[in-house]
Amino acid sequence: MPIVVRIDVELAKRKMSVGEFAERVGLTPANVAVLKNGRAKAVRFSTLEAMCRVLDCQPGDLLEWVEEQPSPTAGPGGEADPGTETP
């Protein structure tokens, strides 16, 4: 996934637990885990604002764009290379 969520880094810097963070932001610990593990499809601005308020940081401290690397077996279109077959 090209967007990486860096909540764990910011929590570690502040020595804050996931439980405390979740409570202060107004999320369940399960939803924090979804964000941390990169399984979230979207984040509301109000949630991002609350996370930044609690962690005293900027959105860019929590979100990072990382260029997606093609897999070593991917062909030019990003699909798996079927290889070459001889007739």
Foldseek 3Di string as FASTA:
>chain_A
DQKAFDLVVLCVVVVHDLCVLCVQLVHDSVVVVCNNVVNDPDDDPSSLVSSCVVSVHDSCVGIDGHDDDQDPQADPVSHGDPDDDDD
